[in-house]
C-alpha cells in the first residue's frame, strides 16, 4: 500500500479576508507598512495587524486617524498600543496622529491573520479556535486540561498538557 500525503490548504476567515481587502484597497499603503512595526505589548513579536486590532487609516486634513479595536473591554495594553502607534508614526515623519478606539467592528479572534496564529504557536501560546480544541503547543497532544480560566493575561487561559506536563497559555476565542 502506498501512503498518500494529503495537502492541507490554509483558509482564512471572512473577517480576516475583509480586513485584508480593506488594506489592499487603501490609498495609504505606506502607512500600513509603517504600522506593521507596532506590536502587542503583551504578545512579543505579534503585530497589531496580525492580532487583528488594526482596522483603519484615514487622513483628515493634516491629521492621520488610526482606528483600532480592543480584544476585550478593559484591555490594559490599549494605552501602550496607542502610544506605540503615535511613536512609530512620528518617527516616520507624521506628527499629527490620533488613535481612535473603534466600537465597530467588534474584535473577534477570526480577525487574526494566519501569520499571527502561527506566531502565537511559535511562542507556545495556543491560537484561538471556535471549537475550543486545545492542543499542546509543545508536543501537539490533545490530552490537556484547564488549570485556570485566566492565564498570563485576561484574554488567555492557563492549560497543562497531561502528556509532556508543560503548562501553556491558550488565547481565548472571542
Foldseek 3Di string as FASTA:
>chain_A
DDDDDDDDDDDADPLQVVQVVCQVPDPCVVLVVLQQPQAQPVQPPQGLQQQQFFHDWDDDPLAIETEGEDLDPPFPRVVVSQVRSQVSCVVVPRNHYHYDHDPPPHDWLSNHDPVNQVSCLVVFEHREDPVPQDAGSPPRHSQKDFPACDDPHNQWTWMAHPPVGDIGIYRYGD
